[in-house]
Amino acid sequence: MTDPEFRRRRRTADVVGILEPNPRPLTTVLVAVVAVLVLTVVGFFLGTVDLGLAKAFNTVHVGALGAFTTAVYHVISPVPAIALTFVVAGIIWWRARDLRPALGFGMTIAITWLPSAVVKEIVHRARPDVALLPHPFPVQPDPSYPSGHTVYITAFVIALVWVVRETRWHRLAQVLGVVAIVVVFLSVSIDAVHFPTDAAASILWALAVAPAARVVWVDWTTPRIPFLRPRDGAAVPVNPGR
């Protein structure tokens, strides 16, 4: 292998880990379906079971901490979150010189995130009552369960970790990703825009659904779209240890 070709393969390998096929696709999808059904049913029974915990979290919504958690909530609201996803997908496309890993990243997030909004309307759990909170956040118009913010950040982290899993950035992405998920969990709980159980269920949702979302888009859909089929010179997964 020539040196320029080796460098090209090293570069494309940096961002195509998400294209590696799932060895158990049907099992992965079945797990996601069961998880969605279970989490949806659980949502109907939660009511105000953790209202006391929501109020306890909200008591620390003061000063710099309160400003920070509110900023986090706004930064990953739907419009900024979509913009961030497009930016990162664009960077992946540029890095790989291949649209497939960029779309794999973006569609994994979208297929994980958007159905949670449907379940939110089905369950229709009320958000924490602002009249009972020590530091109430402005009333939000949509239901509470699950937390779209938490589903989004968890799906984002999972997809990004897959993208870089063949690189030296993999461990760092895992660590920073866990930190980001915890920060969002605490932010929506401290703001009391969601019950803590909303946020916890949302993490479970993304952990179960994101792998299936990747299977549906990357393994099953992409090969059937002519302009997304692998081509000569396109990025392919490379094991750096080989």
C-alpha atoms as a PDB file:
ATOM      1  CA  MET A   1       0.000   0.000   0.000  1.00  0.00           C
ATOM      2  CA  THR A   2       1.385   3.391  -0.973  1.00  0.00           C
ATOM      3  CA  ASP A   3       1.866   6.048   1.677  1.00  0.00           C
ATOM      4  CA  PRO A   4      -0.874   8.397   0.278  1.00  0.00           C
ATOM      5  CA  GLU A   5      -3.326   5.489   0.116  1.00  0.00           C
ATOM      6  CA  PHE A   6      -2.444   4.477   3.677  1.00  0.00           C
ATOM      7  CA  ARG A   7      -3.067   8.033   4.896  1.00  0.00           C
ATOM      8  CA  ARG A   8      -6.373   8.169   3.043  1.00  0.00           C
ATOM      9  CA  ARG A   9      -7.506   4.890   4.599  1.00  0.00           C
ATOM     10  CA  ARG A  10      -6.393   6.052   8.044  1.00  0.00           C
ATOM     11  CA  ARG A  11      -8.357   9.265   7.568  1.00  0.00           C
ATOM     12  CA  THR A  12     -11.568   7.627   6.331  1.00  0.00           C
ATOM     13  CA  ALA A  13     -11.312   5.009   9.075  1.00  0.00           C
ATOM     14  CA  ASP A  14     -11.507   7.834  11.604  1.00  0.00           C
ATOM     15  CA  VAL A  15     -15.221   8.376  11.006  1.00  0.00           C
ATOM     16  CA  VAL A  16     -16.803   5.239   9.572  1.00  0.00           C
ATOM     17  CA  GLY A  17     -17.117   3.051  12.657  1.00  0.00           C
ATOM     18  CA  ILE A  18     -20.867   3.628  12.560  1.00  0.00           C
ATOM     19  CA  LEU A  19     -21.003   1.706   9.253  1.00  0.00           C
ATOM     20  CA  GLU A  20     -19.862  -1.578  10.804  1.00  0.00           C
ATOM     21  CA  PRO A  21     -22.742  -4.081  10.484  1.00  0.00           C
ATOM     22  CA  ASN A  22     -24.595  -5.267  13.557  1.00  0.00           C
ATOM     23  CA  PRO A  23     -24.078  -9.041  13.969  1.00  0.00           C
ATOM     24  CA  ARG A  24     -27.555  -9.510  15.530  1.00  0.00           C
ATOM     25  CA  PRO A  25     -29.856  -7.012  13.798  1.00  0.00           C
ATOM     26  CA  LEU A  26     -33.176  -8.751  14.440  1.00  0.00           C
ATOM     27  CA  THR A  27     -32.445  -9.186  18.136  1.00  0.00           C
ATOM     28  CA  THR A  28     -31.427  -5.540  18.375  1.00  0.00           C
ATOM     29  CA  VAL A  29     -34.660  -4.371  16.779  1.00  0.00           C
ATOM     30  CA  LEU A  30     -36.760  -6.715  18.932  1.00  0.00           C
ATOM     31  CA  VAL A  31     -35.122  -5.372  22.097  1.00  0.00           C
ATOM     32  CA  ALA A  32     -35.957  -1.840  20.981  1.00  0.00           C
ATOM     33  CA  VAL A  33     -39.599  -2.688  20.275  1.00  0.00           C
ATOM     34  CA  VAL A  34     -40.027  -4.358  23.663  1.00  0.00           C
ATOM     35  CA  ALA A  35     -38.305  -1.449  25.421  1.00  0.00           C
ATOM     36  CA  VAL A  36     -40.548   1.102  23.723  1.00  0.00           C
ATOM     37  CA  LEU A  37     -43.678  -0.835  24.694  1.00  0.00           C
ATOM     38  CA  VAL A  38     -42.549  -1.299  28.296  1.00  0.00           C
ATOM     39  CA  LEU A  39     -41.457   2.323  28.749  1.00  0.00           C
ATOM     40  CA  THR A  40     -44.700   3.566  27.217  1.00  0.00           C
ATOM     41  CA  VAL A  41     -46.820   1.450  29.575  1.00  0.00           C
ATOM     42  CA  VAL A  42     -44.714   2.482  32.580  1.00  0.00           C
ATOM     43  CA  GLY A  43     -45.317   6.122  31.719  1.00  0.00           C
ATOM     44  CA  PHE A  44     -49.067   5.755  32.323  1.00  0.00           C
ATOM     45  CA  PHE A  45     -48.484   4.731  35.944  1.00  0.00           C
ATOM     46  CA  LEU A  46     -45.921   7.308  37.068  1.00  0.00           C
ATOM     47  CA  GLY A  47     -48.247  10.216  37.831  1.00  0.00           C
ATOM     48  CA  THR A  48     -46.586  12.359  40.508  1.00  0.00           C
ATOM     49  CA  VAL A  49     -44.693   9.504  42.151  1.00  0.00           C
ATOM     50  CA  ASP A  50     -41.455  11.481  42.238  1.00  0.00           C
ATOM     51  CA  LEU A  51     -42.836  14.974  42.766  1.00  0.00           C
ATOM     52  CA  GLY A  52     -40.959  15.200  46.077  1.00  0.00           C
ATOM     53  CA  LEU A  53     -37.697  14.403  44.304  1.00  0.00           C
ATOM     54  CA  ALA A  54     -38.459  16.950  41.593  1.00  0.00           C
ATOM     55  CA  LYS A  55     -39.023  19.611  44.283  1.00  0.00           C
ATOM     56  CA  ALA A  56     -35.771  18.612  45.998  1.00  0.00           C
ATOM     57  CA  PHE A  57     -33.797  19.009  42.779  1.00  0.00           C
ATOM     58  CA  ASN A  58     -35.471  22.345  42.116  1.00  0.00           C
ATOM     59  CA  THR A  59     -34.376  23.777  45.467  1.00  0.00           C
ATOM     60  CA  VAL A  60     -30.810  24.111  44.119  1.00  0.00           C
ATOM     61  CA  HIS A  61     -31.939  26.074  41.064  1.00  0.00           C
ATOM     62  CA  VAL A  62     -30.307  29.267  42.311  1.00  0.00           C
ATOM     63  CA  GLY A  63     -27.415  31.499  41.311  1.00  0.00           C
ATOM     64  CA  ALA A  64     -24.829  30.289  38.836  1.00  0.00           C
ATOM     65  CA  LEU A  65     -26.054  26.689  38.978  1.00  0.00           C
ATOM     66  CA  GLY A  66     -29.594  27.711  38.100  1.00  0.00           C
ATOM     67  CA  ALA A  67     -28.365  29.881  35.234  1.00  0.00           C
ATOM     68  CA  PHE A  68     -26.219  27.026  33.932  1.00  0.00           C
ATOM     69  CA  THR A  69     -28.975  24.402  33.979  1.00  0.00           C
ATOM     70  CA  THR A  70     -31.378  26.787  32.260  1.00  0.00           C
ATOM     71  CA  ALA A  71     -28.755  27.515  29.591  1.00  0.00           C
ATOM     72  CA  VAL A  72     -28.270  23.780  29.020  1.00  0.00           C
ATOM     73  CA  TYR A  73     -32.014  23.346  28.594  1.00  0.00           C
ATOM     74  CA  HIS A  74     -32.150  26.100  25.963  1.00  0.00           C
ATOM     75  CA  VAL A  75     -28.984  25.053  24.122  1.00  0.00           C
ATOM     76  CA  ILE A  76     -30.340  21.587  23.304  1.00  0.00           C
ATOM     77  CA  SER A  77     -33.898  22.654  22.634  1.00  0.00           C
ATOM     78  CA  PRO A  78     -35.130  21.285  19.276  1.00  0.00           C
ATOM     79  CA  VAL A  79     -33.911  24.028  16.921  1.00  0.00           C
ATOM     80  CA  PRO A  80     -30.345  24.311  18.335  1.00  0.00           C
ATOM     81  CA  ALA A  81     -30.177  20.512  18.655  1.00  0.00           C
ATOM     82  CA  ILE A  82     -31.083  20.036  14.995  1.00  0.00           C
ATOM     83  CA  ALA A  83     -28.535  22.671  13.993  1.00  0.00           C
ATOM     84  CA  LEU A  84     -25.834  20.972  16.083  1.00  0.00           C
ATOM     85  CA  THR A  85     -26.631  17.616  14.486  1.00  0.00           C
ATOM     86  CA  PHE A  86     -26.299  19.090  10.990  1.00  0.00           C
ATOM     87  CA  VAL A  87     -22.980  20.731  11.866  1.00  0.00           C
ATOM     88  CA  VAL A  88     -21.472  17.552  13.299  1.00  0.00           C
ATOM     89  CA  ALA A  89     -22.825  15.487  10.391  1.00  0.00           C
ATOM     90  CA  GLY A  90     -21.214  17.973   8.013  1.00  0.00           C
ATOM     91  CA  ILE A  91     -17.870  17.573   9.762  1.00  0.00           C
ATOM     92  CA  ILE A  92     -18.184  13.784   9.513  1.00  0.00           C
ATOM     93  CA  TRP A  93     -18.972  14.067   5.780  1.00  0.00           C
ATOM     94  CA  TRP A  94     -15.951  16.311   5.243  1.00  0.00           C
ATOM     95  CA  ARG A  95     -13.697  14.037   7.258  1.00  0.00           C
ATOM     96  CA  ALA A  96     -14.765  10.827   5.514  1.00  0.00           C
ATOM     97  CA  ARG A  97     -15.365  12.237   2.040  1.00  0.00           C
ATOM     98  CA  ASP A  98     -18.371   9.943   2.200  1.00  0.00           C
ATOM     99  CA  LEU A  99     -21.998  10.839   2.903  1.00  0.00           C
ATOM    100  CA  ARG A 100     -22.878   7.467   4.444  1.00  0.00           C
ATOM    101  CA  PRO A 101     -21.317   7.878   7.914  1.00  0.00           C
ATOM    102  CA  ALA A 102     -22.693  11.434   8.143  1.00  0.00           C
ATOM    103  CA  LEU A 103     -26.208  10.231   7.358  1.00  0.00           C
ATOM    104  CA  GLY A 104     -25.735   7.237   9.637  1.00  0.00           C
ATOM    105  CA  PHE A 105     -24.937   9.619  12.475  1.00  0.00           C
ATOM    106  CA  GLY A 106     -27.831  11.988  11.790  1.00  0.00           C
ATOM    107  CA  MET A 107     -30.458   9.358  11.043  1.00  0.00           C
ATOM    108  CA  THR A 108     -29.550   7.284  14.102  1.00  0.00           C
ATOM    109  CA  ILE A 109     -30.291  10.351  16.223  1.00  0.00           C
ATOM    110  CA  ALA A 110     -33.477  11.233  14.331  1.00  0.00           C
ATOM    111  CA  ILE A 111     -34.970   7.714  14.374  1.00  0.00           C
ATOM    112  CA  THR A 112     -34.244   7.462  18.101  1.00  0.00           C
ATOM    113  CA  TRP A 113     -35.426  10.953  19.020  1.00  0.00           C
ATOM    114  CA  LEU A 114     -38.564  11.627  16.962  1.00  0.00           C
ATOM    115  CA  PRO A 115     -40.666   8.628  18.100  1.00  0.00           C
ATOM    116  CA  SER A 116     -40.220   9.750  21.701  1.00  0.00           C
ATOM    117  CA  ALA A 117     -42.320  12.820  20.846  1.00  0.00           C
ATOM    118  CA  VAL A 118     -45.141  10.511  19.739  1.00  0.00           C
ATOM    119  CA  VAL A 119     -44.993   8.573  23.013  1.00  0.00           C
ATOM    120  CA  LYS A 120     -44.958  11.885  24.877  1.00  0.00           C
ATOM    121  CA  GLU A 121     -48.360  12.713  23.364  1.00  0.00           C
ATOM    122  CA  ILE A 122     -49.722   9.210  23.960  1.00  0.00           C
ATOM    123  CA  VAL A 123     -48.752   9.052  27.642  1.00  0.00           C
ATOM    124  CA  HIS A 124     -49.484  12.747  28.195  1.00  0.00           C
ATOM    125  CA  ARG A 125     -47.922  12.927  31.642  1.00  0.00           C
ATOM    126  CA  ALA A 126     -48.236  16.403  33.119  1.00  0.00           C
ATOM    127  CA  ARG A 127     -45.046  18.279  33.925  1.00  0.00           C
ATOM    128  CA  PRO A 128     -44.231  19.133  37.559  1.00  0.00           C
ATOM    129  CA  ASP A 129     -46.776  21.629  38.879  1.00  0.00           C
ATOM    130  CA  VAL A 130     -45.047  25.031  38.894  1.00  0.00           C
ATOM    131  CA  ALA A 131     -47.279  26.149  41.769  1.00  0.00           C
ATOM    132  CA  LEU A 132     -45.571  23.570  43.990  1.00  0.00           C
ATOM    133  CA  LEU A 133     -41.983  24.335  43.003  1.00  0.00           C
ATOM    134  CA  PRO A 134     -39.640  26.664  44.909  1.00  0.00           C
ATOM    135  CA  HIS A 135     -38.046  27.995  41.685  1.00  0.00           C
ATOM    136  CA  PRO A 136     -40.524  27.305  38.875  1.00  0.00           C
ATOM    137  CA  PHE A 137     -39.469  27.311  35.237  1.00  0.00           C
ATOM    138  CA  PRO A 138     -41.862  28.904  32.710  1.00  0.00           C
ATOM    139  CA  VAL A 139     -44.693  26.497  31.923  1.00  0.00           C
ATOM    140  CA  GLN A 140     -43.863  24.241  28.973  1.00  0.00           C
ATOM    141  CA  PRO A 141     -46.687  23.530  26.508  1.00  0.00           C
ATOM    142  CA  ASP A 142     -46.014  19.848  25.812  1.00  0.00           C
ATOM    143  CA  PRO A 143     -46.281  16.788  28.092  1.00  0.00           C
ATOM    144  CA  SER A 144     -43.410  15.590  30.247  1.00  0.00           C
ATOM    145  CA  TYR A 145     -42.699  11.914  29.524  1.00  0.00           C
ATOM    146  CA  PRO A 146     -40.212  11.106  28.126  1.00  0.00           C
ATOM    147  CA  SER A 147     -37.761  14.010  28.084  1.00  0.00           C
ATOM    148  CA  GLY A 148     -36.912  14.882  24.501  1.00  0.00           C
ATOM    149  CA  HIS A 149     -33.789  16.750  25.617  1.00  0.00           C
ATOM    150  CA  THR A 150     -32.455  13.665  27.392  1.00  0.00           C
ATOM    151  CA  VAL A 151     -33.339  11.296  24.554  1.00  0.00           C
ATOM    152  CA  TYR A 152     -31.549  13.617  22.133  1.00  0.00           C
ATOM    153  CA  ILE A 153     -28.305  13.995  24.054  1.00  0.00           C
ATOM    154  CA  THR A 154     -28.114  10.256  24.782  1.00  0.00           C
ATOM    155  CA  ALA A 155     -28.721   9.363  21.125  1.00  0.00           C
ATOM    156  CA  PHE A 156     -26.184  12.008  20.054  1.00  0.00           C
ATOM    157  CA  VAL A 157     -23.524  10.564  22.347  1.00  0.00           C
ATOM    158  CA  ILE A 158     -24.192   6.970  21.263  1.00  0.00           C
ATOM    159  CA  ALA A 159     -24.015   7.864  17.563  1.00  0.00           C
ATOM    160  CA  LEU A 160     -20.831   9.901  17.992  1.00  0.00           C
ATOM    161  CA  VAL A 161     -19.144   7.129  19.983  1.00  0.00           C
ATOM    162  CA  TRP A 162     -19.922   4.715  17.145  1.00  0.00           C
ATOM    163  CA  VAL A 163     -18.542   7.143  14.571  1.00  0.00           C
ATOM    164  CA  VAL A 164     -15.141   7.370  16.278  1.00  0.00           C
ATOM    165  CA  ARG A 165     -14.898   3.860  17.686  1.00  0.00           C
ATOM    166  CA  GLU A 166     -11.931   2.905  15.457  1.00  0.00           C
ATOM    167  CA  THR A 167      -9.876   5.869  16.643  1.00  0.00           C
ATOM    168  CA  ARG A 168      -7.919   7.133  19.620  1.00  0.00           C
ATOM    169  CA  TRP A 169     -10.838   9.493  20.346  1.00  0.00           C
ATOM    170  CA  HIS A 170     -13.167   6.647  21.264  1.00  0.00           C
ATOM    171  CA  ARG A 171     -12.436   6.544  24.991  1.00  0.00           C
ATOM    172  CA  LEU A 172     -12.549  10.329  25.286  1.00  0.00           C
ATOM    173  CA  ALA A 173     -15.899  10.410  23.471  1.00  0.00           C
ATOM    174  CA  GLN A 174     -17.268   7.816  25.879  1.00  0.00           C
ATOM    175  CA  VAL A 175     -16.142   9.715  28.973  1.00  0.00           C
ATOM    176  CA  LEU A 176     -17.275  13.148  27.780  1.00  0.00           C
ATOM    177  CA  GLY A 177     -20.481  11.627  26.479  1.00  0.00           C
ATOM    178  CA  VAL A 178     -21.387  10.185  29.869  1.00  0.00           C
ATOM    179  CA  VAL A 179     -20.638  13.575  31.436  1.00  0.00           C
ATOM    180  CA  ALA A 180     -22.918  15.287  28.898  1.00  0.00           C
ATOM    181  CA  ILE A 181     -25.770  12.870  29.590  1.00  0.00           C
ATOM    182  CA  VAL A 182     -25.443  13.357  33.352  1.00  0.00           C
ATOM    183  CA  VAL A 183     -25.354  17.140  32.926  1.00  0.00           C
ATOM    184  CA  VAL A 184     -28.557  17.109  30.872  1.00  0.00           C
ATOM    185  CA  PHE A 185     -30.259  14.703  33.286  1.00  0.00           C
ATOM    186  CA  LEU A 186     -29.431  17.003  36.200  1.00  0.00           C
ATOM    187  CA  SER A 187     -30.316  20.149  34.252  1.00  0.00           C
ATOM    188  CA  VAL A 188     -33.847  19.096  33.306  1.00  0.00           C
ATOM    189  CA  SER A 189     -34.363  17.780  36.844  1.00  0.00           C
ATOM    190  CA  ILE A 190     -33.029  20.910  38.573  1.00  0.00           C
ATOM    191  CA  ASP A 191     -35.054  23.155  36.268  1.00  0.00           C
ATOM    192  CA  ALA A 192     -37.981  20.824  37.115  1.00  0.00           C
ATOM    193  CA  VAL A 193     -39.176  20.962  33.524  1.00  0.00           C
ATOM    194  CA  HIS A 194     -39.283  17.178  33.843  1.00  0.00           C
ATOM    195  CA  PHE A 195     -39.653  14.691  36.637  1.00  0.00           C
ATOM    196  CA  PRO A 196     -36.419  12.771  37.288  1.00  0.00           C
ATOM    197  CA  THR A 197     -38.202   9.605  36.160  1.00  0.00           C
ATOM    198  CA  ASP A 198     -38.857  11.268  32.787  1.00  0.00           C
ATOM    199  CA  ALA A 199     -35.137  11.807  32.289  1.00  0.00           C
ATOM    200  CA  ALA A 200     -34.157   8.346  33.559  1.00  0.00           C
ATOM    201  CA  ALA A 201     -36.663   6.656  31.240  1.00  0.00           C
ATOM    202  CA  SER A 202     -35.334   8.743  28.363  1.00  0.00           C
ATOM    203  CA  ILE A 203     -31.799   7.447  28.858  1.00  0.00           C
ATOM    204  CA  LEU A 204     -33.125   3.874  28.840  1.00  0.00           C
ATOM    205  CA  TRP A 205     -35.148   4.693  25.715  1.00  0.00           C
ATOM    206  CA  ALA A 206     -32.104   5.917  23.787  1.00  0.00           C
ATOM    207  CA  LEU A 207     -29.880   3.060  24.957  1.00  0.00           C
ATOM    208  CA  ALA A 208     -32.420   0.552  23.641  1.00  0.00           C
ATOM    209  CA  VAL A 209     -33.638   2.347  20.526  1.00  0.00           C
ATOM    210  CA  ALA A 210     -30.437   3.880  19.101  1.00  0.00           C
ATOM    211  CA  PRO A 211     -28.852   0.511  18.176  1.00  0.00           C
ATOM    212  CA  ALA A 212     -32.049  -0.459  16.352  1.00  0.00           C
ATOM    213  CA  ALA A 213     -32.205   2.943  14.663  1.00  0.00           C
ATOM    214  CA  ARG A 214     -28.673   2.392  13.380  1.00  0.00           C
ATOM    215  CA  VAL A 215     -29.631  -1.068  12.076  1.00  0.00           C
ATOM    216  CA  VAL A 216     -32.712   0.273  10.309  1.00  0.00           C
ATOM    217  CA  TRP A 217     -30.847   3.085   8.578  1.00  0.00           C
ATOM    218  CA  VAL A 218     -27.277   1.862   8.095  1.00  0.00           C
ATOM    219  CA  ASP A 219     -27.721  -1.888   7.667  1.00  0.00           C
ATOM    220  CA  TRP A 220     -31.145  -2.093   6.024  1.00  0.00           C
ATOM    221  CA  THR A 221     -31.917   1.209   4.298  1.00  0.00           C
ATOM    222  CA  THR A 222     -28.592   2.592   3.067  1.00  0.00           C
ATOM    223  CA  PRO A 223     -27.721  -0.414   0.846  1.00  0.00           C
ATOM    224  CA  ARG A 224     -31.067   0.010  -0.947  1.00  0.00           C
ATOM    225  CA  ILE A 225     -30.441   3.651  -1.894  1.00  0.00           C
ATOM    226  CA  PRO A 226     -28.404   3.711  -5.129  1.00  0.00           C
ATOM    227  CA  PHE A 227     -26.324   6.813  -4.435  1.00  0.00           C
ATOM    228  CA  LEU A 228     -25.461   5.565  -0.925  1.00  0.00           C
ATOM    229  CA  ARG A 229     -24.193   2.137  -1.920  1.00  0.00           C
ATOM    230  CA  PRO A 230     -20.460   1.580  -1.318  1.00  0.00           C
ATOM    231  CA  ARG A 231     -18.357   2.572  -4.292  1.00  0.00           C
ATOM    232  CA  ASP A 232     -14.729   2.277  -5.312  1.00  0.00           C
ATOM    233  CA  GLY A 233     -12.609   4.614  -3.250  1.00  0.00           C
ATOM    234  CA  ALA A 234     -15.326   5.230  -0.683  1.00  0.00           C
ATOM    235  CA  ALA A 235     -14.641   5.127   3.022  1.00  0.00           C
ATOM    236  CA  VAL A 236     -14.701   1.632   4.451  1.00  0.00           C
ATOM    237  CA  PRO A 237     -14.253   0.462   8.005  1.00  0.00           C
ATOM    238  CA  VAL A 238     -10.611  -0.282   8.679  1.00  0.00           C
ATOM    239  CA  ASN A 239      -9.212  -1.962  11.765  1.00  0.00           C
ATOM    240  CA  PRO A 240      -6.183   0.144  12.718  1.00  0.00           C
ATOM    241  CA  GLY A 241      -4.661  -2.893  14.377  1.00  0.00           C
ATOM    242  CA  ARG A 242      -4.415  -4.763  11.094  1.00  0.00           C
END
